[in-house]
Amino acid sequence: MTSALSIDPANLASQYTQIERQAKDQILSTQYAKYNNQIKAFTQLKNDLSDFFDALEDYQDPDTGLLTNTASVSSETNMNVTASADAVSGDYDIFVEQLAQAHQIALSFDPSQPLSTDGELAVSLGTDSFSVDLAGLPAGATLTDLASAINNHADNSGVKATLMRSGSETFLVLTSEESGAANTVSTTFTPGADANGANISNAIASQQELTSAQDAIVKLGANSNITVTSTSNQLDNVIDGVSINLTQAQQAGETPIKVSVAQDNEKSVENIQQFVDKFNTLLSSINDNDALKRDVMASGIGRSLRNDFQGEFAGKTLFSIGIEFDRYGKLSIDKGKLEDAIATQPEQLTHMLTGADGLMAKLEQRVEPYTKSYGLINDKKNTLQASLNLVTDKQQRHEYSMEQVYNRYLSQFTQMQITISKLESSMGQF
């Protein structure tokens, strides 16, 4: 016979409640996991698509593009060069006649003499100028304060002031931030009532030119009089796609420097293989993810990206240059075909892959809507989040309902315990 002491109302109520709630708990838990996993999967997919989109932009940049050129010089003492994907293979002779320089002048002062308390120092750079009112400097101002006022002047378009010291002299050195013959630095002084203004006038009158303002000058060709001048030593527009940094002038009579530009076939194939790997990784992130591969949007993205490889680009198919899908649906390259295309038709290959209507632009257009902060994937995540919120709400209402069931069972089993206890007490009197 069951004893009242053997009945645990709380434990029995919990067991019966668990039996009653188990089926719906499983349904809601499965739904919650489904939507939650899909949200995580689409968040990662958006990140993957954004990374792929950034890579597509880089591939279309001439400096970091798929097809790579190399550039070399016969003398790295005088210049160094780099070539972008736009450069045309060839050899070029360049003679470096002179380098560009930034103008620099020095004004000598006796540091034991006080700085004038008034007057205006006008500083000019090319056609621009500004004035420093010495009356606006702090009391007891020094050359350091004057240099600071020049550097921090709102109208200063590119003159740097600093102090140099030699023996009993202190020099106020003014330097143009930009090189070139047009960027000359000059000063004038309009004295005020303070007689110490004469020190500034004398310093200007006896100023020294430390470095002259000059343009870079190069001559093109071994026997040519074609002359190129530049305000800087960085020449980016002399040879299309080639950037030249001049480092040292040549002496008269020296042999011109030979600049050689050539296609880097090995690096170009490596870059295209890197693109292929990124594309396959992106498709695998969809096809191998249980939360995505059966989703209409995600699987649609994968199909659309594959379809973008179909058709002709610049009059040729990608298959003809060695870019194709294998029987397993993976993008691959036929190295022999690709190397031949790079070697024999680099310009057409560039148009096919990175031109305005090329493969990279087509893929970029396909991917972009899914990478925006308020794009298609964001809309999808919002829909999934709304579904997840409904499941969470159902779980909360189910939890409340089960609390009522538990309390009902607890009340029933507690009453049963009390009844049995009373019966046992009555039977014990006989």
Protein backbone atom coordinates (compact mmCIF):
# COMPACT_ATOMS: atom_id res chain seq x y z
CA MET A 1 0.00 0.00 0.00
CA THR A 2 1.30 3.44 -0.91
CA SER A 3 2.42 5.44 2.10
CA ALA A 4 1.97 9.20 2.30
CA LEU A 5 5.66 9.46 3.10
CA SER A 6 6.57 7.81 -0.23
CA ILE A 7 4.78 10.45 -2.27
CA ASP A 8 6.89 13.44 -3.45
CA PRO A 9 4.37 15.90 -4.91
CA ALA A 10 7.02 18.19 -6.48
CA ASN A 11 8.88 15.32 -8.17
CA LEU A 12 5.68 13.71 -9.46
CA ALA A 13 4.40 17.07 -10.72
CA SER A 14 7.69 17.68 -12.51
CA GLN A 15 7.67 14.22 -14.16
CA TYR A 16 4.08 14.47 -15.35
CA THR A 17 4.67 18.03 -16.63
CA GLN A 18 7.78 16.89 -18.52
CA ILE A 19 5.80 14.12 -20.21
CA GLU A 20 3.11 16.57 -21.22
CA ARG A 21 5.50 19.25 -22.54
CA GLN A 22 8.08 17.06 -24.25
CA ALA A 23 6.56 16.91 -27.73
CA LYS A 24 5.97 20.66 -28.06
CA ASP A 25 9.35 21.46 -26.51
CA GLN A 26 10.99 19.42 -29.26
CA ILE A 27 9.01 21.15 -32.01
CA LEU A 28 9.79 24.65 -30.71
CA SER A 29 13.43 23.80 -30.05
CA THR A 30 13.83 22.48 -33.61
CA GLN A 31 12.23 25.62 -35.05
CA TYR A 32 14.41 27.87 -32.88
CA ALA A 33 17.61 26.08 -33.96
CA LYS A 34 16.57 26.24 -37.62
CA TYR A 35 15.99 30.00 -37.70
CA ASN A 36 18.93 30.78 -35.44
CA ASN A 37 21.32 28.72 -37.57
CA GLN A 38 19.99 30.37 -40.74
CA ILE A 39 20.58 33.83 -39.28
CA LYS A 40 24.16 32.89 -38.39
CA ALA A 41 24.68 31.33 -41.82
CA PHE A 42 23.40 34.40 -43.69
CA THR A 43 25.52 36.67 -41.50
CA GLN A 44 28.59 34.67 -42.48
CA LEU A 45 27.47 34.56 -46.12
CA LYS A 46 27.21 38.34 -46.18
CA ASN A 47 30.74 38.59 -44.77
CA ASP A 48 32.01 36.11 -47.37
CA LEU A 49 30.29 38.01 -50.19
CA SER A 50 31.69 41.31 -48.91
CA ASP A 51 35.21 39.87 -48.84
CA PHE A 52 34.73 38.51 -52.36
CA PHE A 53 33.38 41.89 -53.51
CA ASP A 54 36.46 43.65 -52.09
CA ALA A 55 38.69 41.14 -53.87
CA LEU A 56 36.87 41.81 -57.16
CA GLU A 57 37.54 45.54 -56.75
CA ASP A 58 41.22 44.85 -56.10
CA TYR A 59 41.45 42.63 -59.17
CA GLN A 60 40.21 45.54 -61.30
CA ASP A 61 42.77 47.95 -59.84
CA PRO A 62 45.67 48.32 -62.33
CA ASP A 63 48.15 48.34 -59.44
CA THR A 64 46.81 45.14 -57.83
CA GLY A 65 45.11 43.51 -60.81
CA LEU A 66 45.07 39.94 -62.01
CA LEU A 67 47.59 40.42 -64.79
CA THR A 68 50.96 41.54 -63.51
CA ASN A 69 53.87 43.30 -65.21
CA THR A 70 57.45 43.54 -64.03
CA ALA A 71 59.73 46.52 -64.50
CA SER A 72 63.50 46.69 -64.18
CA VAL A 73 66.19 49.32 -64.68
CA SER A 74 69.83 49.08 -65.70
CA SER A 75 70.83 51.34 -62.80
CA GLU A 76 68.90 51.34 -59.52
CA THR A 77 71.20 54.11 -58.29
CA ASN A 78 69.41 56.68 -60.41
CA MET A 79 65.83 55.49 -60.34
CA ASN A 80 63.44 52.72 -59.40
CA VAL A 81 60.32 51.78 -61.32
CA THR A 82 57.08 49.87 -60.94
CA ALA A 83 54.64 48.77 -63.63
CA SER A 84 50.87 48.33 -63.35
CA ALA A 85 48.73 45.91 -65.33
CA ASP A 86 48.11 48.71 -67.87
CA ALA A 87 51.77 48.96 -68.87
CA VAL A 88 52.81 47.74 -72.32
CA SER A 89 55.85 45.51 -72.60
CA GLY A 90 58.88 47.27 -74.05
CA ASP A 91 62.29 48.88 -73.44
CA TYR A 92 62.77 52.61 -72.86
CA ASP A 93 65.92 54.75 -72.55
CA ILE A 94 65.87 57.60 -70.00
CA PHE A 95 68.63 60.06 -69.09
CA VAL A 96 68.25 61.79 -65.70
CA GLU A 97 69.58 65.32 -66.19
CA GLN A 98 68.58 66.70 -62.79
CA LEU A 99 66.39 65.96 -59.80
CA ALA A 100 63.56 68.11 -58.50
CA GLN A 101 64.39 70.02 -55.33
CA ALA A 102 62.43 71.93 -52.71
CA HIS A 103 63.52 75.52 -52.14
CA GLN A 104 65.20 76.24 -48.81
CA ILE A 105 66.57 79.52 -47.43
CA ALA A 106 68.21 80.46 -44.13
CA LEU A 107 67.99 83.80 -42.28
CA SER A 108 70.79 84.46 -39.76
CA PHE A 109 70.05 85.99 -36.32
CA ASP A 110 72.10 86.86 -33.26
CA PRO A 111 70.25 84.97 -30.46
CA SER A 112 71.44 87.52 -27.90
CA GLN A 113 69.37 90.23 -29.61
CA PRO A 114 65.66 90.45 -28.69
CA LEU A 115 63.04 89.82 -31.36
CA SER A 116 61.14 92.85 -32.59
CA THR A 117 57.82 93.37 -30.82
CA ASP A 118 56.05 94.74 -33.89
CA GLY A 119 56.20 94.82 -37.66
CA GLU A 120 54.95 92.30 -40.26
CA LEU A 121 56.94 89.42 -41.76
CA ALA A 122 55.53 88.44 -45.17
CA VAL A 123 56.29 84.92 -46.40
CA SER A 124 55.66 83.98 -50.04
CA LEU A 125 55.52 80.56 -51.69
CA GLY A 126 55.24 80.85 -55.44
CA THR A 127 52.21 83.08 -56.01
CA ASP A 128 50.79 82.58 -52.48
CA SER A 129 51.72 84.67 -49.47
CA PHE A 130 50.78 85.34 -45.85
CA SER A 131 51.94 87.71 -43.11
CA VAL A 132 52.86 87.22 -39.47
CA ASP A 133 52.15 90.23 -37.22
CA LEU A 134 54.94 90.25 -34.63
CA ALA A 135 52.76 92.36 -32.33
CA GLY A 136 50.55 89.30 -31.96
CA LEU A 137 53.36 87.13 -30.56
CA PRO A 138 53.64 86.56 -26.78
CA ALA A 139 55.57 89.01 -24.62
CA GLY A 140 59.29 88.23 -24.78
CA ALA A 141 58.79 86.16 -27.93
CA THR A 142 61.81 84.41 -29.46
CA LEU A 143 62.65 82.98 -32.87
CA THR A 144 61.04 79.72 -31.72
CA ASP A 145 57.72 81.57 -31.31
CA LEU A 146 58.15 83.17 -34.74
CA ALA A 147 58.79 79.76 -36.37
CA SER A 148 55.72 78.35 -34.63
CA ALA A 149 53.59 81.29 -35.83
CA ILE A 150 54.73 80.66 -39.42
CA ASN A 151 54.01 76.92 -39.25
CA ASN A 152 50.58 77.36 -37.69
CA HIS A 153 49.39 80.31 -39.80
CA ALA A 154 45.96 79.63 -41.31
CA ASP A 155 47.04 80.92 -44.73
CA ASN A 156 50.33 79.00 -44.89
CA SER A 157 50.09 76.96 -48.12
CA GLY A 158 53.25 74.89 -47.63
CA VAL A 159 56.22 76.56 -45.92
CA LYS A 160 57.91 74.88 -42.96
CA ALA A 161 59.98 76.93 -40.51
CA THR A 162 62.60 75.51 -38.17
CA LEU A 163 65.69 76.71 -36.30
CA MET A 164 69.28 75.65 -36.90
CA ARG A 165 72.27 76.72 -34.84
CA SER A 166 75.93 77.16 -35.73
CA GLY A 167 78.36 78.79 -33.33
CA SER A 168 77.00 82.17 -32.30
CA GLU A 169 74.37 82.24 -35.04
CA THR A 170 70.81 80.95 -35.07
CA PHE A 171 69.21 80.42 -38.46
CA LEU A 172 65.52 80.62 -39.24
CA VAL A 173 65.25 78.03 -42.03
CA LEU A 174 62.27 78.19 -44.37
CA THR A 175 61.58 75.20 -46.63
CA SER A 176 58.95 74.60 -49.28
CA GLU A 177 56.97 71.41 -48.66
CA GLU A 178 56.70 70.88 -52.42
CA SER A 179 59.62 70.62 -54.82
CA GLY A 180 59.73 72.36 -58.20
CA ALA A 181 61.03 75.56 -59.73
CA ALA A 182 57.74 77.39 -59.21
CA ASN A 183 57.67 76.77 -55.46
CA THR A 184 60.18 79.40 -54.40
CA VAL A 185 60.19 80.81 -50.86
CA SER A 186 60.81 84.51 -50.23
CA THR A 187 60.33 86.97 -47.35
CA THR A 188 59.89 90.69 -46.82
CA PHE A 189 59.62 92.67 -43.62
CA THR A 190 57.67 95.84 -42.89
CA PRO A 191 59.18 97.30 -39.68
CA GLY A 192 57.19 98.90 -36.92
CA ALA A 193 58.30 101.26 -34.14
CA ASP A 194 60.65 98.74 -32.45
CA ALA A 195 64.26 99.34 -33.57
CA ASN A 196 64.97 95.61 -33.26
CA GLY A 197 63.04 95.20 -36.50
CA ALA A 198 66.33 96.07 -38.24
CA ASN A 199 67.66 92.65 -37.21
CA ILE A 200 64.95 90.96 -39.29
CA SER A 201 65.53 93.31 -42.27
CA ASN A 202 69.27 92.59 -42.15
CA ALA A 203 68.65 88.82 -41.90
CA ILE A 204 66.48 88.95 -45.02
CA ALA A 205 69.01 91.07 -46.91
CA SER A 206 71.81 88.57 -46.14
CA GLN A 207 69.77 85.38 -46.46
CA GLN A 208 71.43 82.24 -47.80
CA GLU A 209 69.92 79.82 -50.30
CA LEU A 210 70.58 76.34 -48.99
CA THR A 211 68.79 74.49 -51.80
CA SER A 212 67.59 75.99 -55.06
CA ALA A 213 64.07 75.39 -56.32
CA GLN A 214 64.21 73.24 -59.44
CA ASP A 215 62.20 70.79 -61.53
CA ALA A 216 63.26 67.30 -62.40
CA ILE A 217 64.50 67.03 -66.00
CA VAL A 218 64.78 63.78 -67.95
CA LYS A 219 65.46 63.06 -71.62
CA LEU A 220 63.71 60.22 -73.41
CA GLY A 221 65.49 57.95 -75.87
CA ALA A 222 69.16 57.24 -76.47
CA ASN A 223 69.43 59.82 -79.28
CA SER A 224 66.45 62.05 -78.62
CA ASN A 225 65.98 65.66 -77.61
CA ILE A 226 62.57 64.95 -76.06
CA THR A 227 62.73 66.56 -72.63
CA VAL A 228 60.30 65.97 -69.77
CA THR A 229 60.13 68.28 -66.74
CA SER A 230 58.37 67.55 -63.48
CA THR A 231 57.90 69.42 -60.22
CA SER A 232 58.56 66.18 -58.33
CA ASN A 233 60.85 63.19 -58.69
CA GLN A 234 57.85 60.88 -59.03
CA LEU A 235 57.02 60.52 -62.72
CA ASP A 236 53.69 58.77 -63.23
CA ASN A 237 52.64 60.05 -66.65
CA VAL A 238 55.74 59.67 -68.79
CA ILE A 239 55.17 56.01 -69.77
CA ASP A 240 51.63 54.66 -69.50
CA GLY A 241 51.31 52.27 -66.58
CA VAL A 242 54.88 52.86 -65.37
CA SER A 243 55.76 54.81 -62.22
CA ILE A 244 59.33 56.18 -62.10
CA ASN A 245 60.96 57.46 -58.92
CA LEU A 246 64.11 59.47 -59.64
CA THR A 247 66.83 59.14 -56.99
CA GLN A 248 70.05 60.54 -58.50
CA ALA A 249 71.02 62.70 -61.46
CA GLN A 250 73.45 61.40 -64.07
CA GLN A 251 76.65 63.01 -65.22
CA ALA A 252 76.96 64.44 -68.71
CA GLY A 253 78.11 61.79 -71.15
CA GLU A 254 76.78 58.84 -69.16
CA THR A 255 74.73 56.19 -70.93
CA PRO A 256 70.94 56.58 -70.59
CA ILE A 257 69.26 54.16 -68.20
CA LYS A 258 67.28 51.35 -69.79
CA VAL A 259 63.80 50.70 -68.37
CA SER A 260 62.38 47.30 -69.29
CA VAL A 261 58.71 46.35 -68.87
CA ALA A 262 57.59 42.74 -69.36
CA GLN A 263 54.62 40.51 -68.62
CA ASP A 264 55.02 38.46 -65.43
CA ASN A 265 53.33 35.28 -66.61
CA GLU A 266 54.00 33.25 -63.48
CA LYS A 267 52.59 35.90 -61.14
CA SER A 268 49.58 36.46 -63.41
CA VAL A 269 48.69 32.75 -63.36
CA GLU A 270 49.15 32.78 -59.57
CA ASN A 271 46.76 35.73 -59.26
CA ILE A 272 44.10 34.07 -61.43
CA GLN A 273 44.44 30.85 -59.43
CA GLN A 274 43.91 32.91 -56.27
CA PHE A 275 40.69 34.29 -57.77
CA VAL A 276 39.56 30.76 -58.70
CA ASP A 277 40.23 29.57 -55.14
CA LYS A 278 38.26 32.48 -53.65
CA PHE A 279 35.33 31.78 -55.97
CA ASN A 280 35.28 28.06 -55.10
CA THR A 281 35.50 28.85 -51.39
CA LEU A 282 32.50 31.18 -51.71
CA LEU A 283 30.40 28.54 -53.51
CA SER A 284 31.43 25.87 -50.99
CA SER A 285 30.28 28.12 -48.15
CA ILE A 286 26.78 27.89 -49.68
CA ASN A 287 26.72 24.32 -50.96
CA ASP A 288 28.27 22.74 -47.85
CA ASN A 289 26.12 24.59 -45.31
CA ASP A 290 22.90 22.77 -44.34
CA ALA A 291 21.30 26.09 -43.37
CA LEU A 292 21.94 27.57 -46.84
CA LYS A 293 22.01 24.89 -49.51
CA ARG A 294 18.23 24.35 -49.40
CA ASP A 295 17.43 28.06 -49.12
CA VAL A 296 16.04 29.61 -52.30
CA MET A 297 17.99 32.87 -52.02
CA ALA A 298 21.35 31.31 -51.09
CA SER A 299 21.21 28.58 -53.73
CA GLY A 300 20.08 31.21 -56.24
CA ILE A 301 23.18 33.28 -55.51
CA GLY A 302 25.37 30.28 -56.24
CA ARG A 303 23.61 29.49 -59.52
CA SER A 304 23.73 33.12 -60.66
CA LEU A 305 27.46 33.38 -59.95
CA ARG A 306 28.12 30.24 -62.00
CA ASN A 307 25.96 31.53 -64.86
CA ASP A 308 27.97 34.76 -64.99
CA PHE A 309 30.87 32.78 -66.47
CA GLN A 310 28.80 31.86 -69.53
CA GLY A 311 28.83 33.74 -72.81
CA GLU A 312 31.59 35.75 -74.44
CA PHE A 313 33.84 38.44 -73.04
CA ALA A 314 35.59 40.72 -75.53
CA GLY A 315 34.57 38.25 -78.25
CA LYS A 316 35.92 35.08 -76.60
CA THR A 317 34.71 32.51 -74.09
CA LEU A 318 36.49 31.97 -70.79
CA PHE A 319 36.86 28.31 -71.75
CA SER A 320 39.06 29.35 -74.69
CA ILE A 321 41.60 30.94 -72.32
CA GLY A 322 41.57 28.08 -69.82
CA ILE A 323 38.99 29.16 -67.20
CA GLU A 324 36.28 26.50 -66.88
CA PHE A 325 34.14 24.41 -64.52
CA ASP A 326 35.12 20.80 -63.99
CA ARG A 327 32.69 17.87 -63.80
CA TYR A 328 32.30 18.41 -60.05
CA GLY A 329 31.15 22.01 -60.53
CA LYS A 330 34.43 23.51 -59.30
CA LEU A 331 36.01 26.41 -61.16
CA SER A 332 39.45 25.45 -62.48
CA ILE A 333 42.13 26.64 -64.88
CA ASP A 334 43.83 24.93 -67.76
CA LYS A 335 47.35 26.22 -67.10
CA GLY A 336 48.58 25.60 -70.64
CA LYS A 337 45.73 27.55 -72.27
CA LEU A 338 45.97 30.34 -69.72
CA GLU A 339 49.73 30.80 -70.04
CA ASP A 340 49.39 30.89 -73.83
CA ALA A 341 46.67 33.57 -73.59
CA ILE A 342 48.78 35.66 -71.19
CA ALA A 343 51.82 35.43 -73.47
CA THR A 344 50.11 36.01 -76.82
CA GLN A 345 47.07 38.18 -76.12
CA PRO A 346 47.54 39.99 -72.77
CA GLU A 347 45.47 43.04 -73.78
CA GLN A 348 42.45 40.96 -74.81
CA LEU A 349 42.80 38.89 -71.66
CA THR A 350 42.79 42.09 -69.61
CA HIS A 351 39.56 43.23 -71.30
CA MET A 352 37.98 39.81 -70.74
CA LEU A 353 38.78 39.66 -67.04
CA THR A 354 39.07 43.21 -65.72
CA GLY A 355 37.64 45.42 -68.47
CA ALA A 356 34.51 47.53 -68.04
CA ASP A 357 32.39 44.65 -69.38
CA GLY A 358 34.69 41.90 -68.15
CA LEU A 359 34.13 39.00 -65.79
CA MET A 360 35.15 40.85 -62.61
CA ALA A 361 32.74 43.72 -63.34
CA LYS A 362 29.94 41.25 -64.04
CA LEU A 363 30.53 39.35 -60.80
CA GLU A 364 30.85 42.61 -58.88
CA GLN A 365 27.45 43.75 -60.17
CA ARG A 366 25.98 40.39 -59.17
CA VAL A 367 27.40 40.42 -55.64
CA GLU A 368 26.96 44.09 -54.68
CA PRO A 369 23.21 44.01 -53.76
CA TYR A 370 23.94 41.33 -51.15
CA THR A 371 26.75 43.28 -49.45
CA LYS A 372 24.93 46.51 -48.59
CA SER A 373 23.96 47.29 -45.00
CA TYR A 374 20.31 47.45 -46.04
CA GLY A 375 20.61 44.99 -48.91
CA LEU A 376 18.91 41.72 -49.82
CA ILE A 377 20.64 39.60 -47.19
CA ASN A 378 19.72 42.09 -44.52
CA ASP A 379 16.08 41.81 -45.60
CA LYS A 380 16.39 38.03 -45.44
CA LYS A 381 17.88 38.17 -41.94
CA ASN A 382 15.09 40.48 -40.80
CA THR A 383 12.51 37.97 -42.04
CA LEU A 384 14.30 35.12 -40.28
CA GLN A 385 14.60 37.19 -37.10
CA ALA A 386 10.85 37.87 -37.18
CA SER A 387 10.23 34.11 -37.43
CA LEU A 388 12.68 33.48 -34.61
CA ASN A 389 10.93 36.08 -32.47
CA LEU A 390 7.59 34.29 -33.04
CA VAL A 391 9.16 31.00 -31.93
CA THR A 392 10.63 32.70 -28.86
CA ASP A 393 7.21 34.14 -28.07
CA LYS A 394 5.64 30.68 -28.42
CA GLN A 395 8.31 29.25 -26.13
CA GLN A 396 7.57 31.87 -23.50
CA ARG A 397 3.81 31.24 -23.70
CA HIS A 398 4.40 27.49 -23.63
CA GLU A 399 6.65 27.91 -20.59
CA TYR A 400 3.93 29.89 -18.82
CA SER A 401 1.32 27.25 -19.75
CA MET A 402 3.56 24.48 -18.43
CA GLU A 403 4.02 26.36 -15.17
CA GLN A 404 0.23 26.26 -14.78
CA VAL A 405 0.23 22.54 -15.56
CA TYR A 406 2.99 21.95 -13.03
CA ASN A 407 1.10 23.88 -10.37
CA ARG A 408 -2.04 21.90 -11.12
CA TYR A 409 -0.19 18.59 -10.79
CA LEU A 410 1.56 19.81 -7.67
CA SER A 411 -1.79 20.72 -6.11
CA GLN A 412 -3.30 17.35 -7.05
CA PHE A 413 -0.39 15.28 -5.74
CA THR A 414 -0.17 17.38 -2.60
CA GLN A 415 -3.87 16.80 -1.98
CA MET A 416 -3.33 13.08 -2.63
CA GLN A 417 -0.53 13.04 -0.06
CA ILE A 418 -2.77 14.76 2.50
CA THR A 419 -5.65 12.34 1.84
CA ILE A 420 -3.44 9.25 2.18
CA SER A 421 -1.92 10.67 5.33
CA LYS A 422 -5.38 11.10 6.84
CA LEU A 423 -6.36 7.55 5.88
CA GLU A 424 -3.18 6.17 7.42
CA SER A 425 -3.85 8.16 10.59
CA SER A 426 -7.44 6.82 10.82
CA MET A 427 -6.36 3.22 10.26
CA GLY A 428 -3.73 3.56 12.95
CA GLN A 429 -6.48 4.12 15.59
CA PHE A 430 -7.83 0.59 15.16
